[in-house]
Amino acid sequence: MIDKDLLVASMEPITEVDRGFWEGTRVGELRLHASPTGKLYFPQTSADADTLETDFHWQKVSGRGTLWSWIVMHQKYLKAYAGAVPYVVGRIELEEGPMIISRLVGRTDDLVCDMPVEVVFERLDDERTLPVFRAVR
């Protein structure tokens, strides 16, 4: 089991830069930083890599993707996750293009590359809800 209080205590404070992401997860939406040209970024960035534009907005995305790779964590890498080992962390390619690294939940004993996954949300406290992913079977 994850120690939610310890996890929240170890996180950086929410800022104006990432507030839109956390506001989205709190209401069950995965939001990515979108540049004026429509390019999506995760994590958020301060300037578009191609145009150097800085006028970003938050865009809701589908929360669907494919499992690109994964690892089973057996070490107590983060204190907040010590009670959860072993747990699975995956690299997911979202339908919209960006990659995201997240914990995989649910049944993880038969994962394969390119398996479809979808976001689900785990509430940590009143301000933070984590996006995690589960396989779609």
C-alpha atoms as a PDB file:
ATOM      1  CA  MET A   1       0.000   0.000   0.000  1.00  0.00           C
ATOM      2  CA  ILE A   2       1.185   3.504  -0.788  1.00  0.00           C
ATOM      3  CA  ASP A   3       1.671   5.949   2.071  1.00  0.00           C
ATOM      4  CA  LYS A   4      -0.304   8.820   0.559  1.00  0.00           C
ATOM      5  CA  ASP A   5       0.625  11.325   3.269  1.00  0.00           C
ATOM      6  CA  LEU A   6       4.331  10.611   2.833  1.00  0.00           C
ATOM      7  CA  LEU A   7       4.004  10.826  -0.952  1.00  0.00           C
ATOM      8  CA  VAL A   8       2.252  14.217  -0.819  1.00  0.00           C
ATOM      9  CA  ALA A   9       4.837  15.507   1.676  1.00  0.00           C
ATOM     10  CA  SER A  10       7.631  14.546  -0.746  1.00  0.00           C
ATOM     11  CA  MET A  11       6.096  16.400  -3.717  1.00  0.00           C
ATOM     12  CA  GLU A  12       6.911  19.927  -4.817  1.00  0.00           C
ATOM     13  CA  PRO A  13       4.223  22.512  -4.039  1.00  0.00           C
ATOM     14  CA  ILE A  14       1.652  23.121  -6.752  1.00  0.00           C
ATOM     15  CA  THR A  15       2.561  26.241  -8.737  1.00  0.00           C
ATOM     16  CA  GLU A  16       0.923  28.325 -11.439  1.00  0.00           C
ATOM     17  CA  VAL A  17       2.986  26.344 -13.950  1.00  0.00           C
ATOM     18  CA  ASP A  18       1.429  22.961 -13.084  1.00  0.00           C
ATOM     19  CA  ARG A  19      -1.866  23.967 -11.439  1.00  0.00           C
ATOM     20  CA  GLY A  20      -3.896  23.116 -14.582  1.00  0.00           C
ATOM     21  CA  PHE A  21      -2.562  19.560 -14.556  1.00  0.00           C
ATOM     22  CA  TRP A  22      -3.554  18.991 -10.917  1.00  0.00           C
ATOM     23  CA  GLU A  23      -6.923  20.710 -11.349  1.00  0.00           C
ATOM     24  CA  GLY A  24      -7.617  18.319 -14.219  1.00  0.00           C
ATOM     25  CA  THR A  25      -6.692  15.150 -12.369  1.00  0.00           C
ATOM     26  CA  ARG A  26      -8.822  16.240  -9.426  1.00  0.00           C
ATOM     27  CA  VAL A  27     -11.893  16.187 -11.696  1.00  0.00           C
ATOM     28  CA  GLY A  28     -10.903  13.009 -13.559  1.00  0.00           C
ATOM     29  CA  GLU A  29      -9.269  14.613 -16.605  1.00  0.00           C
ATOM     30  CA  LEU A  30      -5.771  14.104 -17.934  1.00  0.00           C
ATOM     31  CA  ARG A  31      -4.601  17.490 -19.214  1.00  0.00           C
ATOM     32  CA  LEU A  32      -1.421  18.250 -21.115  1.00  0.00           C
ATOM     33  CA  HIS A  33       0.304  21.524 -21.859  1.00  0.00           C
ATOM     34  CA  ALA A  34      -0.585  22.623 -25.410  1.00  0.00           C
ATOM     35  CA  SER A  35       1.398  25.170 -27.385  1.00  0.00           C
ATOM     36  CA  PRO A  36      -0.229  27.723 -29.707  1.00  0.00           C
ATOM     37  CA  THR A  37       0.617  25.382 -32.600  1.00  0.00           C
ATOM     38  CA  GLY A  38      -1.254  22.513 -30.899  1.00  0.00           C
ATOM     39  CA  LYS A  39       1.842  20.525 -29.910  1.00  0.00           C
ATOM     40  CA  LEU A  40       1.285  18.684 -26.625  1.00  0.00           C
ATOM     41  CA  TYR A  41       3.887  18.450 -23.897  1.00  0.00           C
ATOM     42  CA  PHE A  42       4.324  16.267 -20.838  1.00  0.00           C
ATOM     43  CA  PRO A  43       5.726  17.334 -18.549  1.00  0.00           C
ATOM     44  CA  GLN A  44       4.755  20.938 -19.087  1.00  0.00           C
ATOM     45  CA  THR A  45       7.261  23.323 -20.574  1.00  0.00           C
ATOM     46  CA  SER A  46       7.735  27.064 -20.668  1.00  0.00           C
ATOM     47  CA  ALA A  47       8.322  27.395 -24.429  1.00  0.00           C
ATOM     48  CA  ASP A  48       7.392  25.532 -27.612  1.00  0.00           C
ATOM     49  CA  ALA A  49      10.489  23.673 -28.810  1.00  0.00           C
ATOM     50  CA  ASP A  50       9.878  24.656 -32.452  1.00  0.00           C
ATOM     51  CA  THR A  51       8.567  28.219 -32.268  1.00  0.00           C
ATOM     52  CA  LEU A  52       9.657  29.383 -28.784  1.00  0.00           C
ATOM     53  CA  GLU A  53       6.054  30.543 -28.217  1.00  0.00           C
ATOM     54  CA  THR A  54       5.124  30.772 -24.539  1.00  0.00           C
ATOM     55  CA  ASP A  55       1.334  31.166 -24.726  1.00  0.00           C
ATOM     56  CA  PHE A  56       0.336  27.680 -23.515  1.00  0.00           C
ATOM     57  CA  HIS A  57      -3.023  26.350 -22.399  1.00  0.00           C
ATOM     58  CA  TRP A  58      -4.146  23.099 -20.776  1.00  0.00           C
ATOM     59  CA  GLN A  59      -5.835  20.609 -23.079  1.00  0.00           C
ATOM     60  CA  LYS A  60      -7.846  17.610 -21.984  1.00  0.00           C
ATOM     61  CA  VAL A  61      -6.647  14.410 -23.681  1.00  0.00           C
ATOM     62  CA  SER A  62      -8.277  11.000 -24.017  1.00  0.00           C
ATOM     63  CA  GLY A  63      -6.264   9.227 -21.318  1.00  0.00           C
ATOM     64  CA  ARG A  64      -5.830   6.276 -23.676  1.00  0.00           C
ATOM     65  CA  GLY A  65      -2.551   4.963 -24.959  1.00  0.00           C
ATOM     66  CA  THR A  66      -0.342   1.950 -25.481  1.00  0.00           C
ATOM     67  CA  LEU A  67       2.147   0.374 -23.142  1.00  0.00           C
ATOM     68  CA  TRP A  68       5.594   1.006 -24.567  1.00  0.00           C
ATOM     69  CA  SER A  69       7.651  -0.623 -21.783  1.00  0.00           C
ATOM     70  CA  TRP A  70       7.418  -1.466 -18.083  1.00  0.00           C
ATOM     71  CA  ILE A  71       9.444  -2.530 -15.080  1.00  0.00           C
ATOM     72  CA  VAL A  72       8.517  -4.291 -11.857  1.00  0.00           C
ATOM     73  CA  MET A  73       9.927  -2.330  -8.923  1.00  0.00           C
ATOM     74  CA  HIS A  74      11.214  -4.652  -6.201  1.00  0.00           C
ATOM     75  CA  GLN A  75      13.402  -2.090  -4.430  1.00  0.00           C
ATOM     76  CA  LYS A  76      12.055   0.419  -1.934  1.00  0.00           C
ATOM     77  CA  TYR A  77      13.107   3.290  -4.177  1.00  0.00           C
ATOM     78  CA  LEU A  78      10.666   5.811  -2.656  1.00  0.00           C
ATOM     79  CA  LYS A  79       9.699   5.622   1.007  1.00  0.00           C
ATOM     80  CA  ALA A  80       6.054   6.320   0.176  1.00  0.00           C
ATOM     81  CA  TYR A  81       5.973   3.164  -1.976  1.00  0.00           C
ATOM     82  CA  ALA A  82       7.825   0.871   0.471  1.00  0.00           C
ATOM     83  CA  GLY A  83       4.604  -0.904   1.423  1.00  0.00           C
ATOM     84  CA  ALA A  84       3.606  -1.392  -2.208  1.00  0.00           C
ATOM     85  CA  VAL A  85       6.598  -3.369  -3.531  1.00  0.00           C
ATOM     86  CA  PRO A  86       6.518  -5.015  -5.922  1.00  0.00           C
ATOM     87  CA  TYR A  87       4.687  -2.512  -8.107  1.00  0.00           C
ATOM     88  CA  VAL A  88       4.770  -1.864 -11.840  1.00  0.00           C
ATOM     89  CA  VAL A  89       5.849   1.352 -13.566  1.00  0.00           C
ATOM     90  CA  GLY A  90       5.207   1.775 -17.272  1.00  0.00           C
ATOM     91  CA  ARG A  91       6.064   4.085 -20.101  1.00  0.00           C
ATOM     92  CA  ILE A  92       2.870   4.869 -21.968  1.00  0.00           C
ATOM     93  CA  GLU A  93       2.564   6.471 -25.368  1.00  0.00           C
ATOM     94  CA  LEU A  94      -0.635   8.483 -25.269  1.00  0.00           C
ATOM     95  CA  GLU A  95      -2.931   8.444 -28.321  1.00  0.00           C
ATOM     96  CA  GLU A  96      -2.131  12.112 -28.750  1.00  0.00           C
ATOM     97  CA  GLY A  97       1.617  11.407 -28.960  1.00  0.00           C
ATOM     98  CA  PRO A  98       3.438  12.347 -25.745  1.00  0.00           C
ATOM     99  CA  MET A  99       4.970   9.697 -23.514  1.00  0.00           C
ATOM    100  CA  ILE A 100       4.134   9.521 -19.821  1.00  0.00           C
ATOM    101  CA  ILE A 101       5.681   7.407 -17.090  1.00  0.00           C
ATOM    102  CA  SER A 102       3.210   6.184 -14.510  1.00  0.00           C
ATOM    103  CA  ARG A 103       2.371   3.367 -12.172  1.00  0.00           C
ATOM    104  CA  LEU A 104       0.300   0.537 -13.642  1.00  0.00           C
ATOM    105  CA  VAL A 105      -2.551  -0.789 -11.531  1.00  0.00           C
ATOM    106  CA  GLY A 106      -4.924  -3.703 -11.715  1.00  0.00           C
ATOM    107  CA  ARG A 107      -3.867  -6.982 -13.255  1.00  0.00           C
ATOM    108  CA  THR A 108      -0.237  -6.709 -14.370  1.00  0.00           C
ATOM    109  CA  ASP A 109       0.799 -10.357 -14.731  1.00  0.00           C
ATOM    110  CA  ASP A 110       0.243 -10.554 -18.499  1.00  0.00           C
ATOM    111  CA  LEU A 111       1.474  -7.202 -19.817  1.00  0.00           C
ATOM    112  CA  VAL A 112       2.779  -7.013 -23.386  1.00  0.00           C
ATOM    113  CA  CYS A 113       4.220  -4.178 -25.438  1.00  0.00           C
ATOM    114  CA  ASP A 114       1.618  -2.212 -27.404  1.00  0.00           C
ATOM    115  CA  MET A 115      -1.143  -3.315 -25.014  1.00  0.00           C
ATOM    116  CA  PRO A 116      -3.881  -0.680 -24.797  1.00  0.00           C
ATOM    117  CA  VAL A 117      -4.072   1.165 -21.479  1.00  0.00           C
ATOM    118  CA  GLU A 118      -6.301   3.833 -19.992  1.00  0.00           C
ATOM    119  CA  VAL A 119      -5.895   6.362 -17.242  1.00  0.00           C
ATOM    120  CA  VAL A 120      -7.579   5.992 -13.872  1.00  0.00           C
ATOM    121  CA  PHE A 121      -7.150   8.357 -10.975  1.00  0.00           C
ATOM    122  CA  GLU A 122      -6.003   7.820  -7.382  1.00  0.00           C
ATOM    123  CA  ARG A 123      -6.906  10.596  -4.960  1.00  0.00           C
ATOM    124  CA  LEU A 124      -4.081  11.525  -2.598  1.00  0.00           C
ATOM    125  CA  ASP A 125      -5.614  14.527  -0.824  1.00  0.00           C
ATOM    126  CA  ASP A 126      -7.890  17.494  -1.563  1.00  0.00           C
ATOM    127  CA  GLU A 127      -5.421  19.028  -4.041  1.00  0.00           C
ATOM    128  CA  ARG A 128      -3.692  16.078  -5.664  1.00  0.00           C
ATOM    129  CA  THR A 129      -4.970  13.109  -7.585  1.00  0.00           C
ATOM    130  CA  LEU A 130      -2.474  10.883  -9.403  1.00  0.00           C
ATOM    131  CA  PRO A 131      -3.042   9.619 -12.921  1.00  0.00           C
ATOM    132  CA  VAL A 132      -2.187   5.917 -13.075  1.00  0.00           C
ATOM    133  CA  PHE A 133      -2.912   3.458 -15.868  1.00  0.00           C
ATOM    134  CA  ARG A 134      -4.522   0.050 -16.235  1.00  0.00           C
ATOM    135  CA  ALA A 135      -4.536  -2.394 -19.103  1.00  0.00           C
ATOM    136  CA  VAL A 136      -7.614  -2.520 -21.315  1.00  0.00           C
ATOM    137  CA  ARG A 137      -8.594  -6.112 -22.013  1.00  0.00           C
END
